[in-house]
């Protein structure tokens, strides 16, 4: 339900820039950066496999012209990730 509300907002409001990370099939837990309480998330900042970025295909129409990669992978890996994203988006 919440996801549909967000998508409806995105239909009406163009995003200027964004960042992407990976979506994993597994939950990870990490401390929230403000509260330090453990949170569960599918979103991660380290990519293991390129297919973890495939979810972006579903949201291409919402992507802005300026996109940054928010991953902790090496710079060399991020260049490879950038090329993969270009294939998905273009």
PDB file of N, CA and C in Angstrom:
ATOM      1  N   UNK A   1       0.819  -1.196   0.000  1.00  0.00           N
ATOM      2  CA  UNK A   1       0.000   0.000   0.000  1.00  0.00           C
ATOM      3  C   UNK A   1       0.864   1.261   0.000  1.00  0.00           C
ATOM      4  N   UNK A   2       1.849   1.298   0.883  1.00  0.00           N
ATOM      5  CA  UNK A   2       2.737   2.465   0.951  1.00  0.00           C
ATOM      6  C   UNK A   2       3.501   2.636  -0.360  1.00  0.00           C
ATOM      7  N   UNK A   3       3.927   1.514  -0.948  1.00  0.00           N
ATOM      8  CA  UNK A   3       4.672   1.591  -2.208  1.00  0.00           C
ATOM      9  C   UNK A   3       3.828   2.237  -3.296  1.00  0.00           C
ATOM     10  N   UNK A   4       2.544   1.921  -3.339  1.00  0.00           N
ATOM     11  CA  UNK A   4       1.671   2.517  -4.352  1.00  0.00           C
ATOM     12  C   UNK A   4       1.533   4.023  -4.137  1.00  0.00           C
ATOM     13  N   UNK A   5       1.467   4.467  -2.893  1.00  0.00           N
ATOM     14  CA  UNK A   5       1.388   5.902  -2.609  1.00  0.00           C
ATOM     15  C   UNK A   5       2.647   6.612  -3.102  1.00  0.00           C
ATOM     16  N   UNK A   6       3.789   5.980  -2.849  1.00  0.00           N
ATOM     17  CA  UNK A   6       5.054   6.574  -3.293  1.00  0.00           C
ATOM     18  C   UNK A   6       5.091   6.644  -4.810  1.00  0.00           C
ATOM     19  N   UNK A   7       4.686   5.581  -5.489  1.00  0.00           N
ATOM     20  CA  UNK A   7       4.690   5.586  -6.952  1.00  0.00           C
ATOM     21  C   UNK A   7       3.730   6.634  -7.501  1.00  0.00           C
ATOM     22  N   UNK A   8       2.586   6.819  -6.846  1.00  0.00           N
ATOM     23  CA  UNK A   8       1.644   7.860  -7.282  1.00  0.00           C
ATOM     24  C   UNK A   8       2.264   9.245  -7.147  1.00  0.00           C
ATOM     25  N   UNK A   9       2.986   9.477  -6.074  1.00  0.00           N
ATOM     26  CA  UNK A   9       3.672  10.764  -5.887  1.00  0.00           C
ATOM     27  C   UNK A   9       4.722  10.953  -6.975  1.00  0.00           C
ATOM     28  N   UNK A  10       5.467   9.871  -7.283  1.00  0.00           N
ATOM     29  CA  UNK A  10       6.508   9.966  -8.310  1.00  0.00           C
ATOM     30  C   UNK A  10       5.923  10.219  -9.696  1.00  0.00           C
ATOM     31  N   UNK A  11       4.709   9.753  -9.933  1.00  0.00           N
ATOM     32  CA  UNK A  11       4.050  10.017 -11.222  1.00  0.00           C
ATOM     33  C   UNK A  11       3.834  11.514 -11.418  1.00  0.00           C
ATOM     34  N   UNK A  12       3.575  12.230 -10.324  1.00  0.00           N
ATOM     35  CA  UNK A  12       3.222  13.648 -10.395  1.00  0.00           C
ATOM     36  C   UNK A  12       4.399  14.589 -10.171  1.00  0.00           C
ATOM     37  N   UNK A  13       5.489  14.073  -9.604  1.00  0.00           N
ATOM     38  CA  UNK A  13       6.630  14.911  -9.239  1.00  0.00           C
ATOM     39  C   UNK A  13       7.925  14.313  -9.782  1.00  0.00           C
ATOM     40  N   UNK A  14       8.577  15.035 -10.660  1.00  0.00           N
ATOM     41  CA  UNK A  14       9.825  14.565 -11.259  1.00  0.00           C
ATOM     42  C   UNK A  14      10.969  14.696 -10.260  1.00  0.00           C
ATOM     43  N   UNK A  15      11.763  13.651 -10.127  1.00  0.00           N
ATOM     44  CA  UNK A  15      12.928  13.657  -9.248  1.00  0.00           C
ATOM     45  C   UNK A  15      14.082  14.311 -10.000  1.00  0.00           C
ATOM     46  N   UNK A  16      14.868  15.141  -9.300  1.00  0.00           N
ATOM     47  CA  UNK A  16      15.996  15.821  -9.937  1.00  0.00           C
ATOM     48  C   UNK A  16      17.247  14.968  -9.961  1.00  0.00           C
ATOM     49  N   UNK A  17      17.518  14.253  -8.876  1.00  0.00           N
ATOM     50  CA  UNK A  17      18.677  13.359  -8.814  1.00  0.00           C
ATOM     51  C   UNK A  17      18.399  12.301  -7.755  1.00  0.00           C
ATOM     52  N   UNK A  18      19.143  11.202  -7.809  1.00  0.00           N
ATOM     53  CA  UNK A  18      18.941  10.130  -6.834  1.00  0.00           C
ATOM     54  C   UNK A  18      20.220   9.304  -6.714  1.00  0.00           C
ATOM     55  N   UNK A  19      20.191   8.377  -5.795  1.00  0.00           N
ATOM     56  CA  UNK A  19      21.270   7.404  -5.699  1.00  0.00           C
ATOM     57  C   UNK A  19      20.648   6.016  -5.718  1.00  0.00           C
ATOM     58  N   UNK A  20      21.410   5.045  -6.169  1.00  0.00           N
ATOM     59  CA  UNK A  20      20.943   3.659  -6.167  1.00  0.00           C
ATOM     60  C   UNK A  20      21.929   2.796  -5.391  1.00  0.00           C
ATOM     61  N   UNK A  21      21.361   1.825  -4.730  1.00  0.00           N
ATOM     62  CA  UNK A  21      22.152   0.789  -4.064  1.00  0.00           C
ATOM     63  C   UNK A  21      21.580  -0.539  -4.542  1.00  0.00           C
ATOM     64  N   UNK A  22      21.933  -1.625  -3.914  1.00  0.00           N
ATOM     65  CA  UNK A  22      21.446  -2.926  -4.364  1.00  0.00           C
ATOM     66  C   UNK A  22      20.292  -3.394  -3.485  1.00  0.00           C
ATOM     67  N   UNK A  23      19.483  -4.265  -4.051  1.00  0.00           N
ATOM     68  CA  UNK A  23      18.417  -4.926  -3.315  1.00  0.00           C
ATOM     69  C   UNK A  23      18.768  -6.406  -3.288  1.00  0.00           C
ATOM     70  N   UNK A  24      18.886  -6.930  -2.095  1.00  0.00           N
ATOM     71  CA  UNK A  24      19.256  -8.327  -1.891  1.00  0.00           C
ATOM     72  C   UNK A  24      18.010  -9.179  -1.688  1.00  0.00           C
ATOM     73  N   UNK A  25      18.143 -10.469  -1.835  1.00  0.00           N
ATOM     74  CA  UNK A  25      17.051 -11.397  -1.542  1.00  0.00           C
ATOM     75  C   UNK A  25      16.981 -11.714  -0.058  1.00  0.00           C
ATOM     76  N   UNK A  26      17.959 -11.265   0.697  1.00  0.00           N
ATOM     77  CA  UNK A  26      18.026 -11.567   2.115  1.00  0.00           C
ATOM     78  C   UNK A  26      17.991 -10.281   2.938  1.00  0.00           C
ATOM     79  N   UNK A  27      17.342 -10.362   4.106  1.00  0.00           N
ATOM     80  CA  UNK A  27      17.391  -9.259   5.056  1.00  0.00           C
ATOM     81  C   UNK A  27      18.797  -9.116   5.607  1.00  0.00           C
ATOM     82  N   UNK A  28      19.191  -7.907   5.846  1.00  0.00           N
ATOM     83  CA  UNK A  28      20.400  -7.662   6.631  1.00  0.00           C
ATOM     84  C   UNK A  28      19.987  -6.766   7.790  1.00  0.00           C
ATOM     85  N   UNK A  29      20.708  -6.845   8.857  1.00  0.00           N
ATOM     86  CA  UNK A  29      20.434  -5.955   9.986  1.00  0.00           C
ATOM     87  C   UNK A  29      21.640  -5.054  10.184  1.00  0.00           C
ATOM     88  N   UNK A  30      21.350  -3.820  10.503  1.00  0.00           N
ATOM     89  CA  UNK A  30      22.410  -2.859  10.774  1.00  0.00           C
ATOM     90  C   UNK A  30      21.848  -1.776  11.682  1.00  0.00           C
ATOM     91  N   UNK A  31      22.722  -1.089  12.405  1.00  0.00           N
ATOM     92  CA  UNK A  31      22.223  -0.017  13.272  1.00  0.00           C
ATOM     93  C   UNK A  31      21.781   1.182  12.456  1.00  0.00           C
ATOM     94  N   UNK A  32      20.628   1.740  12.821  1.00  0.00           N
ATOM     95  CA  UNK A  32      20.140   2.946  12.169  1.00  0.00           C
ATOM     96  C   UNK A  32      21.110   4.081  12.484  1.00  0.00           C
ATOM     97  N   UNK A  33      21.410   4.906  11.519  1.00  0.00           N
ATOM     98  CA  UNK A  33      22.431   5.941  11.676  1.00  0.00           C
ATOM     99  C   UNK A  33      22.066   7.023  12.687  1.00  0.00           C
ATOM    100  N   UNK A  34      20.778   7.180  13.012  1.00  0.00           N
ATOM    101  CA  UNK A  34      20.393   8.172  14.019  1.00  0.00           C
ATOM    102  C   UNK A  34      20.110   7.519  15.371  1.00  0.00           C
ATOM    103  N   UNK A  35      19.248   6.499  15.363  1.00  0.00           N
ATOM    104  CA  UNK A  35      18.807   5.911  16.631  1.00  0.00           C
ATOM    105  C   UNK A  35      19.735   4.819  17.141  1.00  0.00           C
ATOM    106  N   UNK A  36      20.565   4.280  16.258  1.00  0.00           N
ATOM    107  CA  UNK A  36      21.459   3.164  16.561  1.00  0.00           C
ATOM    108  C   UNK A  36      20.696   1.875  16.883  1.00  0.00           C
ATOM    109  N   UNK A  37      19.375   1.857  16.664  1.00  0.00           N
ATOM    110  CA  UNK A  37      18.589   0.634  16.842  1.00  0.00           C
ATOM    111  C   UNK A  37      18.761  -0.236  15.605  1.00  0.00           C
ATOM    112  N   UNK A  38      18.780  -1.536  15.808  1.00  0.00           N
ATOM    113  CA  UNK A  38      18.928  -2.455  14.678  1.00  0.00           C
ATOM    114  C   UNK A  38      17.696  -2.382  13.770  1.00  0.00           C
ATOM    115  N   UNK A  39      17.931  -2.295  12.481  1.00  0.00           N
ATOM    116  CA  UNK A  39      16.849  -2.310  11.509  1.00  0.00           C
ATOM    117  C   UNK A  39      17.116  -3.405  10.491  1.00  0.00           C
ATOM    118  N   UNK A  40      16.036  -3.961   9.940  1.00  0.00           N
ATOM    119  CA  UNK A  40      16.143  -4.969   8.893  1.00  0.00           C
ATOM    120  C   UNK A  40      15.886  -4.285   7.556  1.00  0.00           C
ATOM    121  N   UNK A  41      16.635  -4.706   6.561  1.00  0.00           N
ATOM    122  CA  UNK A  41      16.493  -4.083   5.253  1.00  0.00           C
ATOM    123  C   UNK A  41      16.937  -5.042   4.155  1.00  0.00           C
ATOM    124  N   UNK A  42      16.324  -4.902   2.983  1.00  0.00           N
ATOM    125  CA  UNK A  42      16.801  -5.611   1.798  1.00  0.00           C
ATOM    126  C   UNK A  42      17.846  -4.774   1.069  1.00  0.00           C
ATOM    127  N   UNK A  43      17.811  -3.474   1.301  1.00  0.00           N
ATOM    128  CA  UNK A  43      18.736  -2.557   0.650  1.00  0.00           C
ATOM    129  C   UNK A  43      20.111  -2.670   1.298  1.00  0.00           C
ATOM    130  N   UNK A  44      21.133  -2.738   0.456  1.00  0.00           N
ATOM    131  CA  UNK A  44      22.488  -2.869   0.961  1.00  0.00           C
ATOM    132  C   UNK A  44      23.419  -1.950   0.191  1.00  0.00           C
ATOM    133  N   UNK A  45      24.564  -1.669   0.781  1.00  0.00           N
ATOM    134  CA  UNK A  45      25.534  -0.784   0.151  1.00  0.00           C
ATOM    135  C   UNK A  45      26.795  -1.509  -0.304  1.00  0.00           C
ATOM    136  N   UNK A  46      26.698  -2.820  -0.418  1.00  0.00           N
ATOM    137  CA  UNK A  46      27.785  -3.594  -1.004  1.00  0.00           C
ATOM    138  C   UNK A  46      27.168  -4.604  -1.964  1.00  0.00           C
ATOM    139  N   UNK A  47      27.582  -4.565  -3.219  1.00  0.00           N
ATOM    140  CA  UNK A  47      27.039  -5.450  -4.229  1.00  0.00           C
ATOM    141  C   UNK A  47      27.870  -6.723  -4.315  1.00  0.00           C
ATOM    142  N   UNK A  48      27.170  -7.856  -4.310  1.00  0.00           N
ATOM    143  CA  UNK A  48      27.822  -9.144  -4.512  1.00  0.00           C
ATOM    144  C   UNK A  48      27.699  -9.585  -5.970  1.00  0.00           C
ATOM    145  N   UNK A  49      26.513  -9.351  -6.563  1.00  0.00           N
ATOM    146  CA  UNK A  49      26.253  -9.768  -7.935  1.00  0.00           C
ATOM    147  C   UNK A  49      25.519  -8.654  -8.676  1.00  0.00           C
ATOM    148  N   UNK A  50      25.814  -8.487  -9.942  1.00  0.00           N
ATOM    149  CA  UNK A  50      25.167  -7.443 -10.737  1.00  0.00           C
ATOM    150  C   UNK A  50      23.647  -7.575 -10.743  1.00  0.00           C
ATOM    151  N   UNK A  51      23.138  -8.787 -10.667  1.00  0.00           N
ATOM    152  CA  UNK A  51      21.688  -8.987 -10.724  1.00  0.00           C
ATOM    153  C   UNK A  51      20.962  -8.316  -9.555  1.00  0.00           C
ATOM    154  N   UNK A  52      21.701  -7.925  -8.517  1.00  0.00           N
ATOM    155  CA  UNK A  52      21.080  -7.218  -7.398  1.00  0.00           C
ATOM    156  C   UNK A  52      20.621  -5.814  -7.807  1.00  0.00           C
ATOM    157  N   UNK A  53      20.997  -5.389  -8.996  1.00  0.00           N
ATOM    158  CA  UNK A  53      20.570  -4.090  -9.532  1.00  0.00           C
ATOM    159  C   UNK A  53      19.417  -4.218 -10.529  1.00  0.00           C
ATOM    160  N   UNK A  54      19.012  -5.430 -10.830  1.00  0.00           N
ATOM    161  CA  UNK A  54      17.980  -5.651 -11.847  1.00  0.00           C
ATOM    162  C   UNK A  54      16.623  -5.057 -11.480  1.00  0.00           C
ATOM    163  N   UNK A  55      16.377  -4.818 -10.204  1.00  0.00           N
ATOM    164  CA  UNK A  55      15.109  -4.212  -9.776  1.00  0.00           C
ATOM    165  C   UNK A  55      14.894  -2.859 -10.450  1.00  0.00           C
ATOM    166  N   UNK A  56      15.965  -2.224 -10.870  1.00  0.00           N
ATOM    167  CA  UNK A  56      15.876  -0.888 -11.464  1.00  0.00           C
ATOM    168  C   UNK A  56      15.046  -0.904 -12.746  1.00  0.00           C
ATOM    169  N   UNK A  57      15.048  -2.029 -13.451  1.00  0.00           N
ATOM    170  CA  UNK A  57      14.245  -2.137 -14.679  1.00  0.00           C
ATOM    171  C   UNK A  57      12.781  -1.779 -14.416  1.00  0.00           C
ATOM    172  N   UNK A  58      12.303  -2.158 -13.235  1.00  0.00           N
ATOM    173  CA  UNK A  58      10.899  -1.936 -12.879  1.00  0.00           C
ATOM    174  C   UNK A  58      10.588  -0.451 -12.665  1.00  0.00           C
ATOM    175  N   UNK A  59      11.612   0.342 -12.370  1.00  0.00           N
ATOM    176  CA  UNK A  59      11.391   1.739 -12.003  1.00  0.00           C
ATOM    177  C   UNK A  59      12.047   2.741 -12.959  1.00  0.00           C
ATOM    178  N   UNK A  60      12.404   2.300 -14.151  1.00  0.00           N
ATOM    179  CA  UNK A  60      13.109   3.163 -15.099  1.00  0.00           C
ATOM    180  C   UNK A  60      12.372   4.475 -15.336  1.00  0.00           C
ATOM    181  N   UNK A  61      11.071   4.427 -15.462  1.00  0.00           N
ATOM    182  CA  UNK A  61      10.334   5.658 -15.795  1.00  0.00           C
ATOM    183  C   UNK A  61      10.381   6.695 -14.673  1.00  0.00           C
ATOM    184  N   UNK A  62      10.781   6.289 -13.477  1.00  0.00           N
ATOM    185  CA  UNK A  62      10.862   7.227 -12.356  1.00  0.00           C
ATOM    186  C   UNK A  62      12.270   7.787 -12.150  1.00  0.00           C
ATOM    187  N   UNK A  63      13.243   7.250 -12.860  1.00  0.00           N
ATOM    188  CA  UNK A  63      14.625   7.665 -12.637  1.00  0.00           C
ATOM    189  C   UNK A  63      14.893   9.058 -13.196  1.00  0.00           C
ATOM    190  N   UNK A  64      15.653   9.850 -12.463  1.00  0.00           N
ATOM    191  CA  UNK A  64      16.037  11.173 -12.957  1.00  0.00           C
ATOM    192  C   UNK A  64      17.220  11.074 -13.918  1.00  0.00           C
ATOM    193  N   UNK A  65      17.620  12.195 -14.464  1.00  0.00           N
ATOM    194  CA  UNK A  65      18.775  12.227 -15.367  1.00  0.00           C
ATOM    195  C   UNK A  65      20.090  12.051 -14.613  1.00  0.00           C
ATOM    196  N   UNK A  66      20.118  12.458 -13.353  1.00  0.00           N
ATOM    197  CA  UNK A  66      21.347  12.369 -12.553  1.00  0.00           C
ATOM    198  C   UNK A  66      21.188  11.269 -11.504  1.00  0.00           C
ATOM    199  N   UNK A  67      22.025  10.248 -11.621  1.00  0.00           N
ATOM    200  CA  UNK A  67      21.962   9.097 -10.716  1.00  0.00           C
ATOM    201  C   UNK A  67      23.367   8.811 -10.200  1.00  0.00           C
ATOM    202  N   UNK A  68      23.494   8.650  -8.899  1.00  0.00           N
ATOM    203  CA  UNK A  68      24.790   8.261  -8.341  1.00  0.00           C
ATOM    204  C   UNK A  68      24.691   6.839  -7.796  1.00  0.00           C
ATOM    205  N   UNK A  69      25.817   6.194  -7.753  1.00  0.00           N
ATOM    206  CA  UNK A  69      25.904   4.836  -7.214  1.00  0.00           C
ATOM    207  C   UNK A  69      26.317   4.944  -5.760  1.00  0.00           C
ATOM    208  N   UNK A  70      25.480   4.439  -4.865  1.00  0.00           N
ATOM    209  CA  UNK A  70      25.797   4.487  -3.438  1.00  0.00           C
ATOM    210  C   UNK A  70      26.164   3.073  -2.968  1.00  0.00           C
ATOM    211  N   UNK A  71      27.380   2.695  -3.309  1.00  0.00           N
ATOM    212  CA  UNK A  71      27.876   1.368  -2.950  1.00  0.00           C
ATOM    213  C   UNK A  71      29.298   1.482  -2.421  1.00  0.00           C
ATOM    214  N   UNK A  72      29.644   0.558  -1.575  1.00  0.00           N
ATOM    215  CA  UNK A  72      30.978   0.554  -0.975  1.00  0.00           C
ATOM    216  C   UNK A  72      31.969  -0.318  -1.744  1.00  0.00           C
ATOM    217  N   UNK A  73      31.565  -0.809  -2.881  1.00  0.00           N
ATOM    218  CA  UNK A  73      32.461  -1.594  -3.718  1.00  0.00           C
ATOM    219  C   UNK A  73      33.617  -0.719  -4.199  1.00  0.00           C
ATOM    220  N   UNK A  74      34.675  -1.362  -4.653  1.00  0.00           N
ATOM    221  CA  UNK A  74      35.842  -0.621  -5.131  1.00  0.00           C
ATOM    222  C   UNK A  74      35.455   0.267  -6.315  1.00  0.00           C
ATOM    223  N   UNK A  75      36.287   1.260  -6.573  1.00  0.00           N
ATOM    224  CA  UNK A  75      36.044   2.161  -7.695  1.00  0.00           C
ATOM    225  C   UNK A  75      35.980   1.379  -9.005  1.00  0.00           C
ATOM    226  N   UNK A  76      36.878   0.428  -9.174  1.00  0.00           N
ATOM    227  CA  UNK A  76      36.882  -0.402 -10.382  1.00  0.00           C
ATOM    228  C   UNK A  76      35.550  -1.142 -10.535  1.00  0.00           C
ATOM    229  N   UNK A  77      35.055  -1.707  -9.440  1.00  0.00           N
ATOM    230  CA  UNK A  77      33.768  -2.405  -9.492  1.00  0.00           C
ATOM    231  C   UNK A  77      32.633  -1.430  -9.787  1.00  0.00           C
ATOM    232  N   UNK A  78      32.722  -0.225  -9.251  1.00  0.00           N
ATOM    233  CA  UNK A  78      31.674   0.756  -9.505  1.00  0.00           C
ATOM    234  C   UNK A  78      31.648   1.192 -10.964  1.00  0.00           C
ATOM    235  N   UNK A  79      32.788   1.224 -11.602  1.00  0.00           N
ATOM    236  CA  UNK A  79      32.814   1.508 -13.044  1.00  0.00           C
ATOM    237  C   UNK A  79      32.086   0.409 -13.807  1.00  0.00           C
ATOM    238  N   UNK A  80      32.298  -0.832 -13.412  1.00  0.00           N
ATOM    239  CA  UNK A  80      31.605  -1.975 -14.038  1.00  0.00           C
ATOM    240  C   UNK A  80      30.101  -1.877 -13.756  1.00  0.00           C
ATOM    241  N   UNK A  81      29.741  -1.505 -12.542  1.00  0.00           N
ATOM    242  CA  UNK A  81      28.342  -1.335 -12.159  1.00  0.00           C
ATOM    243  C   UNK A  81      27.705  -0.235 -13.002  1.00  0.00           C
ATOM    244  N   UNK A  82      28.428   0.865 -13.198  1.00  0.00           N
ATOM    245  CA  UNK A  82      27.922   1.966 -14.018  1.00  0.00           C
ATOM    246  C   UNK A  82      27.609   1.521 -15.441  1.00  0.00           C
ATOM    247  N   UNK A  83      28.471   0.721 -16.023  1.00  0.00           N
ATOM    248  CA  UNK A  83      28.234   0.209 -17.375  1.00  0.00           C
ATOM    249  C   UNK A  83      27.008  -0.706 -17.408  1.00  0.00           C
ATOM    250  N   UNK A  84      26.856  -1.522 -16.374  1.00  0.00           N
ATOM    251  CA  UNK A  84      25.696  -2.412 -16.271  1.00  0.00           C
ATOM    252  C   UNK A  84      24.409  -1.594 -16.164  1.00  0.00           C
ATOM    253  N   UNK A  85      24.442  -0.559 -15.340  1.00  0.00           N
ATOM    254  CA  UNK A  85      23.264   0.304 -15.193  1.00  0.00           C
ATOM    255  C   UNK A  85      22.932   1.019 -16.490  1.00  0.00           C
ATOM    256  N   UNK A  86      23.946   1.457 -17.220  1.00  0.00           N
ATOM    257  CA  UNK A  86      23.698   2.105 -18.514  1.00  0.00           C
ATOM    258  C   UNK A  86      22.982   1.164 -19.461  1.00  0.00           C
ATOM    259  N   UNK A  87      23.354  -0.119 -19.463  1.00  0.00           N
ATOM    260  CA  UNK A  87      22.665  -1.103 -20.320  1.00  0.00           C
ATOM    261  C   UNK A  87      21.224  -1.269 -19.898  1.00  0.00           C
ATOM    262  N   UNK A  88      20.965  -1.301 -18.592  1.00  0.00           N
ATOM    263  CA  UNK A  88      19.599  -1.446 -18.106  1.00  0.00           C
ATOM    264  C   UNK A  88      18.757  -0.230 -18.481  1.00  0.00           C
ATOM    265  N   UNK A  89      19.304   0.945 -18.258  1.00  0.00           N
ATOM    266  CA  UNK A  89      18.547   2.188 -18.433  1.00  0.00           C
ATOM    267  C   UNK A  89      18.384   2.558 -19.898  1.00  0.00           C
ATOM    268  N   UNK A  90      19.411   2.344 -20.699  1.00  0.00           N
ATOM    269  CA  UNK A  90      19.332   2.720 -22.107  1.00  0.00           C
ATOM    270  C   UNK A  90      18.832   1.561 -22.919  1.00  0.00           C
TER     271      UNK A  90
END
